[in-house]
């Protein structure tokens, strides 16, 4: 960023569907978020989905959401429902 610009801050809540519990998905997600400089939490929900909350630079939150949908995560993601926070 040029001239001391402050990045736009964003937060998102994503519910990830598929085979995402018991496969290292939460660990991989929080690790990827940390690499992007995001504050992130991932937790299992009783219905078998994983809830991911992330906060940080808007562009980096978007990168994390794209990664969740990419097919490069542990397990098998069949859908990602995202809501801004």
PDB file of N, CA and C in Angstrom:
ATOM      1  N   UNK A   1       0.825  -1.181   0.000  1.00  0.00           N
ATOM      2  CA  UNK A   1       0.000   0.000   0.000  1.00  0.00           C
ATOM      3  C   UNK A   1       0.869   1.245   0.000  1.00  0.00           C
ATOM      4  N   UNK A   2       0.473   2.170  -0.799  1.00  0.00           N
ATOM      5  CA  UNK A   2       1.264   3.381  -0.944  1.00  0.00           C
ATOM      6  C   UNK A   2       0.858   4.432   0.073  1.00  0.00           C
ATOM      7  N   UNK A   3       1.813   5.206   0.508  1.00  0.00           N
ATOM      8  CA  UNK A   3       1.557   6.388   1.309  1.00  0.00           C
ATOM      9  C   UNK A   3       0.812   6.162   2.607  1.00  0.00           C
ATOM     10  N   UNK A   4       1.025   5.047   3.258  1.00  0.00           N
ATOM     11  CA  UNK A   4       0.414   4.813   4.547  1.00  0.00           C
ATOM     12  C   UNK A   4      -1.077   4.525   4.507  1.00  0.00           C
ATOM     13  N   UNK A   5      -1.575   4.041   3.376  1.00  0.00           N
ATOM     14  CA  UNK A   5      -2.981   3.697   3.292  1.00  0.00           C
ATOM     15  C   UNK A   5      -3.312   2.597   4.298  1.00  0.00           C
ATOM     16  N   UNK A   6      -4.466   2.699   4.885  1.00  0.00           N
ATOM     17  CA  UNK A   6      -4.924   1.684   5.832  1.00  0.00           C
ATOM     18  C   UNK A   6      -5.816   0.709   5.075  1.00  0.00           C
ATOM     19  N   UNK A   7      -5.540  -0.599   5.194  1.00  0.00           N
ATOM     20  CA  UNK A   7      -6.374  -1.556   4.471  1.00  0.00           C
ATOM     21  C   UNK A   7      -7.789  -1.585   5.040  1.00  0.00           C
ATOM     22  N   UNK A   8      -8.750  -1.838   4.179  1.00  0.00           N
ATOM     23  CA  UNK A   8     -10.124  -1.983   4.609  1.00  0.00           C
ATOM     24  C   UNK A   8     -10.235  -3.252   5.448  1.00  0.00           C
ATOM     25  N   UNK A   9     -10.851  -3.144   6.631  1.00  0.00           N
ATOM     26  CA  UNK A   9     -10.992  -4.292   7.518  1.00  0.00           C
ATOM     27  C   UNK A   9     -12.337  -4.946   7.255  1.00  0.00           C
ATOM     28  N   UNK A  10     -12.331  -6.257   7.258  1.00  0.00           N
ATOM     29  CA  UNK A  10     -13.534  -7.019   6.988  1.00  0.00           C
ATOM     30  C   UNK A  10     -13.610  -8.192   7.943  1.00  0.00           C
ATOM     31  N   UNK A  11     -14.811  -8.678   8.145  1.00  0.00           N
ATOM     32  CA  UNK A  11     -15.009  -9.895   8.931  1.00  0.00           C
ATOM     33  C   UNK A  11     -16.073 -10.724   8.237  1.00  0.00           C
ATOM     34  N   UNK A  12     -15.883 -12.031   8.272  1.00  0.00           N
ATOM     35  CA  UNK A  12     -16.834 -12.927   7.626  1.00  0.00           C
ATOM     36  C   UNK A  12     -17.068 -14.154   8.490  1.00  0.00           C
ATOM     37  N   UNK A  13     -18.255 -14.684   8.324  1.00  0.00           N
ATOM     38  CA  UNK A  13     -18.642 -15.930   8.991  1.00  0.00           C
ATOM     39  C   UNK A  13     -18.974 -16.909   7.865  1.00  0.00           C
ATOM     40  N   UNK A  14     -18.328 -18.065   7.880  1.00  0.00           N
ATOM     41  CA  UNK A  14     -18.564 -19.064   6.840  1.00  0.00           C
ATOM     42  C   UNK A  14     -18.934 -20.394   7.486  1.00  0.00           C
ATOM     43  N   UNK A  15     -19.996 -20.995   6.985  1.00  0.00           N
ATOM     44  CA  UNK A  15     -20.358 -22.345   7.392  1.00  0.00           C
ATOM     45  C   UNK A  15     -19.951 -23.254   6.242  1.00  0.00           C
ATOM     46  N   UNK A  16     -19.056 -24.191   6.561  1.00  0.00           N
ATOM     47  CA  UNK A  16     -18.482 -25.067   5.539  1.00  0.00           C
ATOM     48  C   UNK A  16     -19.138 -26.438   5.645  1.00  0.00           C
ATOM     49  N   UNK A  17     -19.686 -26.898   4.530  1.00  0.00           N
ATOM     50  CA  UNK A  17     -20.399 -28.179   4.463  1.00  0.00           C
ATOM     51  C   UNK A  17     -19.531 -29.227   3.774  1.00  0.00           C
ATOM     52  N   UNK A  18     -19.792 -30.481   4.078  1.00  0.00           N
ATOM     53  CA  UNK A  18     -19.093 -31.590   3.445  1.00  0.00           C
ATOM     54  C   UNK A  18     -18.452 -32.473   4.500  1.00  0.00           C
ATOM     55  N   UNK A  19     -17.453 -33.225   4.087  1.00  0.00           N
ATOM     56  CA  UNK A  19     -16.697 -34.059   5.028  1.00  0.00           C
ATOM     57  C   UNK A  19     -15.536 -33.203   5.535  1.00  0.00           C
ATOM     58  N   UNK A  20     -15.811 -32.429   6.601  1.00  0.00           N
ATOM     59  CA  UNK A  20     -14.842 -31.444   7.081  1.00  0.00           C
ATOM     60  C   UNK A  20     -14.520 -31.588   8.565  1.00  0.00           C
ATOM     61  N   UNK A  21     -15.035 -32.628   9.198  1.00  0.00           N
ATOM     62  CA  UNK A  21     -14.703 -32.870  10.604  1.00  0.00           C
ATOM     63  C   UNK A  21     -13.854 -34.134  10.698  1.00  0.00           C
ATOM     64  N   UNK A  22     -12.852 -34.083  11.573  1.00  0.00           N
ATOM     65  CA  UNK A  22     -11.986 -35.234  11.789  1.00  0.00           C
ATOM     66  C   UNK A  22     -10.950 -35.446  10.703  1.00  0.00           C
ATOM     67  N   UNK A  23     -10.685 -34.403   9.905  1.00  0.00           N
ATOM     68  CA  UNK A  23      -9.739 -34.540   8.789  1.00  0.00           C
ATOM     69  C   UNK A  23      -8.650 -33.458   8.809  1.00  0.00           C
ATOM     70  N   UNK A  24      -8.550 -32.694   9.902  1.00  0.00           N
ATOM     71  CA  UNK A  24      -7.565 -31.625   9.997  1.00  0.00           C
ATOM     72  C   UNK A  24      -8.011 -30.321   9.365  1.00  0.00           C
ATOM     73  N   UNK A  25      -9.294 -30.220   9.046  1.00  0.00           N
ATOM     74  CA  UNK A  25      -9.812 -29.029   8.371  1.00  0.00           C
ATOM     75  C   UNK A  25      -9.665 -27.773   9.217  1.00  0.00           C
ATOM     76  N   UNK A  26     -10.038 -27.857  10.500  1.00  0.00           N
ATOM     77  CA  UNK A  26      -9.956 -26.667  11.364  1.00  0.00           C
ATOM     78  C   UNK A  26      -8.507 -26.207  11.520  1.00  0.00           C
ATOM     79  N   UNK A  27      -7.594 -27.139  11.737  1.00  0.00           N
ATOM     80  CA  UNK A  27      -6.177 -26.795  11.879  1.00  0.00           C
ATOM     81  C   UNK A  27      -5.666 -26.117  10.606  1.00  0.00           C
ATOM     82  N   UNK A  28      -5.952 -26.721   9.465  1.00  0.00           N
ATOM     83  CA  UNK A  28      -5.473 -26.160   8.197  1.00  0.00           C
ATOM     84  C   UNK A  28      -6.060 -24.775   7.944  1.00  0.00           C
ATOM     85  N   UNK A  29      -7.317 -24.601   8.312  1.00  0.00           N
ATOM     86  CA  UNK A  29      -7.978 -23.306   8.093  1.00  0.00           C
ATOM     87  C   UNK A  29      -7.365 -22.216   8.960  1.00  0.00           C
ATOM     88  N   UNK A  30      -7.162 -22.498  10.244  1.00  0.00           N
ATOM     89  CA  UNK A  30      -6.582 -21.470  11.113  1.00  0.00           C
ATOM     90  C   UNK A  30      -5.125 -21.200  10.743  1.00  0.00           C
ATOM     91  N   UNK A  31      -4.429 -22.218  10.276  1.00  0.00           N
ATOM     92  CA  UNK A  31      -3.038 -22.021   9.830  1.00  0.00           C
ATOM     93  C   UNK A  31      -2.994 -21.130   8.581  1.00  0.00           C
ATOM     94  N   UNK A  32      -3.873 -21.416   7.614  1.00  0.00           N
ATOM     95  CA  UNK A  32      -3.927 -20.598   6.393  1.00  0.00           C
ATOM     96  C   UNK A  32      -4.295 -19.157   6.747  1.00  0.00           C
ATOM     97  N   UNK A  33      -5.255 -18.983   7.651  1.00  0.00           N
ATOM     98  CA  UNK A  33      -5.653 -17.640   8.074  1.00  0.00           C
ATOM     99  C   UNK A  33      -4.489 -16.906   8.722  1.00  0.00           C
ATOM    100  N   UNK A  34      -3.730 -17.590   9.567  1.00  0.00           N
ATOM    101  CA  UNK A  34      -2.568 -16.963  10.211  1.00  0.00           C
ATOM    102  C   UNK A  34      -1.537 -16.536   9.176  1.00  0.00           C
ATOM    103  N   UNK A  35      -1.339 -17.360   8.154  1.00  0.00           N
ATOM    104  CA  UNK A  35      -0.406 -16.993   7.072  1.00  0.00           C
ATOM    105  C   UNK A  35      -0.847 -15.698   6.389  1.00  0.00           C
ATOM    106  N   UNK A  36      -2.160 -15.479   6.345  1.00  0.00           N
ATOM    107  CA  UNK A  36      -2.708 -14.275   5.719  1.00  0.00           C
ATOM    108  C   UNK A  36      -2.787 -13.098   6.678  1.00  0.00           C
ATOM    109  N   UNK A  37      -2.450 -13.322   7.942  1.00  0.00           N
ATOM    110  CA  UNK A  37      -2.503 -12.263   8.940  1.00  0.00           C
ATOM    111  C   UNK A  37      -3.895 -12.024   9.495  1.00  0.00           C
ATOM    112  N   UNK A  38      -4.759 -13.016   9.413  1.00  0.00           N
ATOM    113  CA  UNK A  38      -6.128 -12.879   9.891  1.00  0.00           C
ATOM    114  C   UNK A  38      -6.284 -13.420  11.304  1.00  0.00           C
ATOM    115  N   UNK A  39      -7.257 -12.896  12.014  1.00  0.00           N
ATOM    116  CA  UNK A  39      -7.701 -13.468  13.280  1.00  0.00           C
ATOM    117  C   UNK A  39      -8.825 -14.424  12.898  1.00  0.00           C
ATOM    118  N   UNK A  40      -8.702 -15.679  13.298  1.00  0.00           N
ATOM    119  CA  UNK A  40      -9.638 -16.683  12.811  1.00  0.00           C
ATOM    120  C   UNK A  40      -9.941 -17.716  13.881  1.00  0.00           C
ATOM    121  N   UNK A  41     -11.163 -18.212  13.843  1.00  0.00           N
ATOM    122  CA  UNK A  41     -11.567 -19.337  14.682  1.00  0.00           C
ATOM    123  C   UNK A  41     -12.334 -20.302  13.792  1.00  0.00           C
ATOM    124  N   UNK A  42     -12.101 -21.588  14.001  1.00  0.00           N
ATOM    125  CA  UNK A  42     -12.850 -22.621  13.285  1.00  0.00           C
ATOM    126  C   UNK A  42     -13.312 -23.640  14.311  1.00  0.00           C
ATOM    127  N   UNK A  43     -14.626 -23.927  14.298  1.00  0.00           N
ATOM    128  CA  UNK A  43     -15.118 -24.899  15.271  1.00  0.00           C
ATOM    129  C   UNK A  43     -16.167 -25.797  14.645  1.00  0.00           C
ATOM    130  N   UNK A  44     -16.179 -27.045  15.118  1.00  0.00           N
ATOM    131  CA  UNK A  44     -17.151 -28.022  14.657  1.00  0.00           C
ATOM    132  C   UNK A  44     -18.532 -27.677  15.189  1.00  0.00           C
ATOM    133  N   UNK A  45     -19.530 -27.858  14.352  1.00  0.00           N
ATOM    134  CA  UNK A  45     -20.915 -27.707  14.765  1.00  0.00           C
ATOM    135  C   UNK A  45     -21.569 -29.086  14.825  1.00  0.00           C
ATOM    136  N   UNK A  46     -22.608 -29.227  15.640  1.00  0.00           N
ATOM    137  CA  UNK A  46     -23.227 -30.539  15.832  1.00  0.00           C
ATOM    138  C   UNK A  46     -23.754 -31.193  14.545  1.00  0.00           C
ATOM    139  N   UNK A  47     -24.082 -30.395  13.539  1.00  0.00           N
ATOM    140  CA  UNK A  47     -24.637 -30.957  12.304  1.00  0.00           C
ATOM    141  C   UNK A  47     -23.574 -31.453  11.325  1.00  0.00           C
ATOM    142  N   UNK A  48     -22.293 -31.422  11.721  1.00  0.00           N
ATOM    143  CA  UNK A  48     -21.217 -31.912  10.865  1.00  0.00           C
ATOM    144  C   UNK A  48     -20.528 -30.845  10.038  1.00  0.00           C
ATOM    145  N   UNK A  49     -21.016 -29.610  10.124  1.00  0.00           N
ATOM    146  CA  UNK A  49     -20.363 -28.513   9.417  1.00  0.00           C
ATOM    147  C   UNK A  49     -19.288 -27.898  10.302  1.00  0.00           C
ATOM    148  N   UNK A  50     -18.516 -26.993   9.730  1.00  0.00           N
ATOM    149  CA  UNK A  50     -17.520 -26.231  10.483  1.00  0.00           C
ATOM    150  C   UNK A  50     -17.835 -24.755  10.312  1.00  0.00           C
ATOM    151  N   UNK A  51     -17.869 -24.038  11.431  1.00  0.00           N
ATOM    152  CA  UNK A  51     -18.071 -22.593  11.426  1.00  0.00           C
ATOM    153  C   UNK A  51     -16.708 -21.920  11.465  1.00  0.00           C
ATOM    154  N   UNK A  52     -16.452 -21.074  10.481  1.00  0.00           N
ATOM    155  CA  UNK A  52     -15.198 -20.322  10.405  1.00  0.00           C
ATOM    156  C   UNK A  52     -15.540 -18.846  10.526  1.00  0.00           C
ATOM    157  N   UNK A  53     -14.894 -18.153  11.465  1.00  0.00           N
ATOM    158  CA  UNK A  53     -15.009 -16.704  11.543  1.00  0.00           C
ATOM    159  C   UNK A  53     -13.615 -16.129  11.319  1.00  0.00           C
ATOM    160  N   UNK A  54     -13.551 -15.091  10.501  1.00  0.00           N
ATOM    161  CA  UNK A  54     -12.255 -14.493  10.173  1.00  0.00           C
ATOM    162  C   UNK A  54     -12.389 -12.987  10.114  1.00  0.00           C
ATOM    163  N   UNK A  55     -11.339 -12.310  10.575  1.00  0.00           N
ATOM    164  CA  UNK A  55     -11.323 -10.843  10.577  1.00  0.00           C
ATOM    165  C   UNK A  55      -9.922 -10.371  10.207  1.00  0.00           C
ATOM    166  N   UNK A  56      -9.884  -9.339   9.376  1.00  0.00           N
ATOM    167  CA  UNK A  56      -8.607  -8.762   8.970  1.00  0.00           C
ATOM    168  C   UNK A  56      -8.798  -7.935   7.714  1.00  0.00           C
ATOM    169  N   UNK A  57      -7.724  -7.748   6.977  1.00  0.00           N
ATOM    170  CA  UNK A  57      -7.794  -6.985   5.732  1.00  0.00           C
ATOM    171  C   UNK A  57      -8.800  -7.637   4.792  1.00  0.00           C
ATOM    172  N   UNK A  58      -9.675  -6.831   4.210  1.00  0.00           N
ATOM    173  CA  UNK A  58     -10.749  -7.349   3.366  1.00  0.00           C
ATOM    174  C   UNK A  58     -10.224  -8.264   2.265  1.00  0.00           C
ATOM    175  N   UNK A  59      -9.138  -7.884   1.631  1.00  0.00           N
ATOM    176  CA  UNK A  59      -8.590  -8.709   0.549  1.00  0.00           C
ATOM    177  C   UNK A  59      -8.133 -10.068   1.070  1.00  0.00           C
ATOM    178  N   UNK A  60      -7.589 -10.103   2.270  1.00  0.00           N
ATOM    179  CA  UNK A  60      -7.121 -11.370   2.841  1.00  0.00           C
ATOM    180  C   UNK A  60      -8.282 -12.256   3.281  1.00  0.00           C
ATOM    181  N   UNK A  61      -9.353 -11.652   3.788  1.00  0.00           N
ATOM    182  CA  UNK A  61     -10.541 -12.434   4.125  1.00  0.00           C
ATOM    183  C   UNK A  61     -11.091 -13.076   2.853  1.00  0.00           C
ATOM    184  N   UNK A  62     -11.095 -12.331   1.765  1.00  0.00           N
ATOM    185  CA  UNK A  62     -11.564 -12.867   0.487  1.00  0.00           C
ATOM    186  C   UNK A  62     -10.683 -14.026   0.016  1.00  0.00           C
ATOM    187  N   UNK A  63      -9.374 -13.896   0.208  1.00  0.00           N
ATOM    188  CA  UNK A  63      -8.457 -14.987  -0.161  1.00  0.00           C
ATOM    189  C   UNK A  63      -8.774 -16.236   0.649  1.00  0.00           C
ATOM    190  N   UNK A  64      -9.037 -16.078   1.951  1.00  0.00           N
ATOM    191  CA  UNK A  64      -9.360 -17.238   2.784  1.00  0.00           C
ATOM    192  C   UNK A  64     -10.657 -17.889   2.318  1.00  0.00           C
ATOM    193  N   UNK A  65     -11.678 -17.101   2.040  1.00  0.00           N
ATOM    194  CA  UNK A  65     -12.949 -17.657   1.571  1.00  0.00           C
ATOM    195  C   UNK A  65     -12.741 -18.399   0.248  1.00  0.00           C
ATOM    196  N   UNK A  66     -11.974 -17.824  -0.653  1.00  0.00           N
ATOM    197  CA  UNK A  66     -11.676 -18.498  -1.923  1.00  0.00           C
ATOM    198  C   UNK A  66     -10.962 -19.821  -1.674  1.00  0.00           C
ATOM    199  N   UNK A  67     -10.042 -19.835  -0.705  1.00  0.00           N
ATOM    200  CA  UNK A  67      -9.320 -21.070  -0.363  1.00  0.00           C
ATOM    201  C   UNK A  67     -10.282 -22.120   0.180  1.00  0.00           C
ATOM    202  N   UNK A  68     -11.242 -21.699   1.029  1.00  0.00           N
ATOM    203  CA  UNK A  68     -12.225 -22.644   1.564  1.00  0.00           C
ATOM    204  C   UNK A  68     -13.009 -23.320   0.440  1.00  0.00           C
ATOM    205  N   UNK A  69     -13.229 -22.609  -0.641  1.00  0.00           N
ATOM    206  CA  UNK A  69     -14.001 -23.121  -1.785  1.00  0.00           C
ATOM    207  C   UNK A  69     -13.137 -23.806  -2.836  1.00  0.00           C
ATOM    208  N   UNK A  70     -11.833 -23.791  -2.660  1.00  0.00           N
ATOM    209  CA  UNK A  70     -10.901 -24.176  -3.724  1.00  0.00           C
ATOM    210  C   UNK A  70     -10.740 -25.667  -3.976  1.00  0.00           C
ATOM    211  N   UNK A  71     -11.082 -26.493  -3.002  1.00  0.00           N
ATOM    212  CA  UNK A  71     -10.792 -27.915  -3.149  1.00  0.00           C
ATOM    213  C   UNK A  71      -9.406 -28.292  -2.657  1.00  0.00           C
ATOM    214  N   UNK A  72      -8.653 -27.327  -2.149  1.00  0.00           N
ATOM    215  CA  UNK A  72      -7.291 -27.592  -1.648  1.00  0.00           C
ATOM    216  C   UNK A  72      -7.266 -27.762  -0.125  1.00  0.00           C
ATOM    217  N   UNK A  73      -8.422 -27.846   0.497  1.00  0.00           N
ATOM    218  CA  UNK A  73      -8.506 -28.017   1.944  1.00  0.00           C
ATOM    219  C   UNK A  73      -8.523 -29.506   2.282  1.00  0.00           C
ATOM    220  N   UNK A  74      -8.208 -29.864   3.523  1.00  0.00           N
ATOM    221  CA  UNK A  74      -8.405 -31.260   3.938  1.00  0.00           C
ATOM    222  C   UNK A  74      -9.892 -31.613   3.877  1.00  0.00           C
ATOM    223  N   UNK A  75     -10.186 -32.870   3.687  1.00  0.00           N
ATOM    224  CA  UNK A  75     -11.578 -33.308   3.624  1.00  0.00           C
ATOM    225  C   UNK A  75     -12.166 -33.034   2.255  1.00  0.00           C
ATOM    226  N   UNK A  76     -13.482 -32.912   2.223  1.00  0.00           N
ATOM    227  CA  UNK A  76     -14.193 -32.652   0.969  1.00  0.00           C
ATOM    228  C   UNK A  76     -15.276 -31.625   1.231  1.00  0.00           C
ATOM    229  N   UNK A  77     -15.079 -30.428   0.722  1.00  0.00           N
ATOM    230  CA  UNK A  77     -16.029 -29.330   0.887  1.00  0.00           C
ATOM    231  C   UNK A  77     -17.077 -29.418  -0.220  1.00  0.00           C
ATOM    232  N   UNK A  78     -18.344 -29.413   0.192  1.00  0.00           N
ATOM    233  CA  UNK A  78     -19.425 -29.436  -0.788  1.00  0.00           C
ATOM    234  C   UNK A  78     -20.152 -28.099  -0.887  1.00  0.00           C
ATOM    235  N   UNK A  79     -19.888 -27.214   0.047  1.00  0.00           N
ATOM    236  CA  UNK A  79     -20.497 -25.897  -0.009  1.00  0.00           C
ATOM    237  C   UNK A  79     -19.969 -24.992   1.088  1.00  0.00           C
ATOM    238  N   UNK A  80     -19.975 -23.693   0.816  1.00  0.00           N
ATOM    239  CA  UNK A  80     -19.533 -22.694   1.787  1.00  0.00           C
ATOM    240  C   UNK A  80     -20.548 -21.551   1.770  1.00  0.00           C
ATOM    241  N   UNK A  81     -21.227 -21.358   2.884  1.00  0.00           N
ATOM    242  CA  UNK A  81     -22.175 -20.250   3.035  1.00  0.00           C
ATOM    243  C   UNK A  81     -21.476 -19.131   3.795  1.00  0.00           C
ATOM    244  N   UNK A  82     -21.338 -17.976   3.170  1.00  0.00           N
ATOM    245  CA  UNK A  82     -20.590 -16.860   3.753  1.00  0.00           C
ATOM    246  C   UNK A  82     -21.514 -15.693   4.029  1.00  0.00           C
ATOM    247  N   UNK A  83     -21.345 -15.089   5.201  1.00  0.00           N
ATOM    248  CA  UNK A  83     -22.061 -13.878   5.583  1.00  0.00           C
ATOM    249  C   UNK A  83     -21.061 -12.885   6.150  1.00  0.00           C
ATOM    250  N   UNK A  84     -21.174 -11.620   5.755  1.00  0.00           N
ATOM    251  CA  UNK A  84     -20.329 -10.608   6.401  1.00  0.00           C
ATOM    252  C   UNK A  84     -20.744 -10.453   7.852  1.00  0.00           C
ATOM    253  N   UNK A  85     -19.809 -10.025   8.686  1.00  0.00           N
ATOM    254  CA  UNK A  85     -20.104  -9.798  10.100  1.00  0.00           C
ATOM    255  C   UNK A  85     -20.000  -8.313  10.395  1.00  0.00           C
TER     256      UNK A  85
END
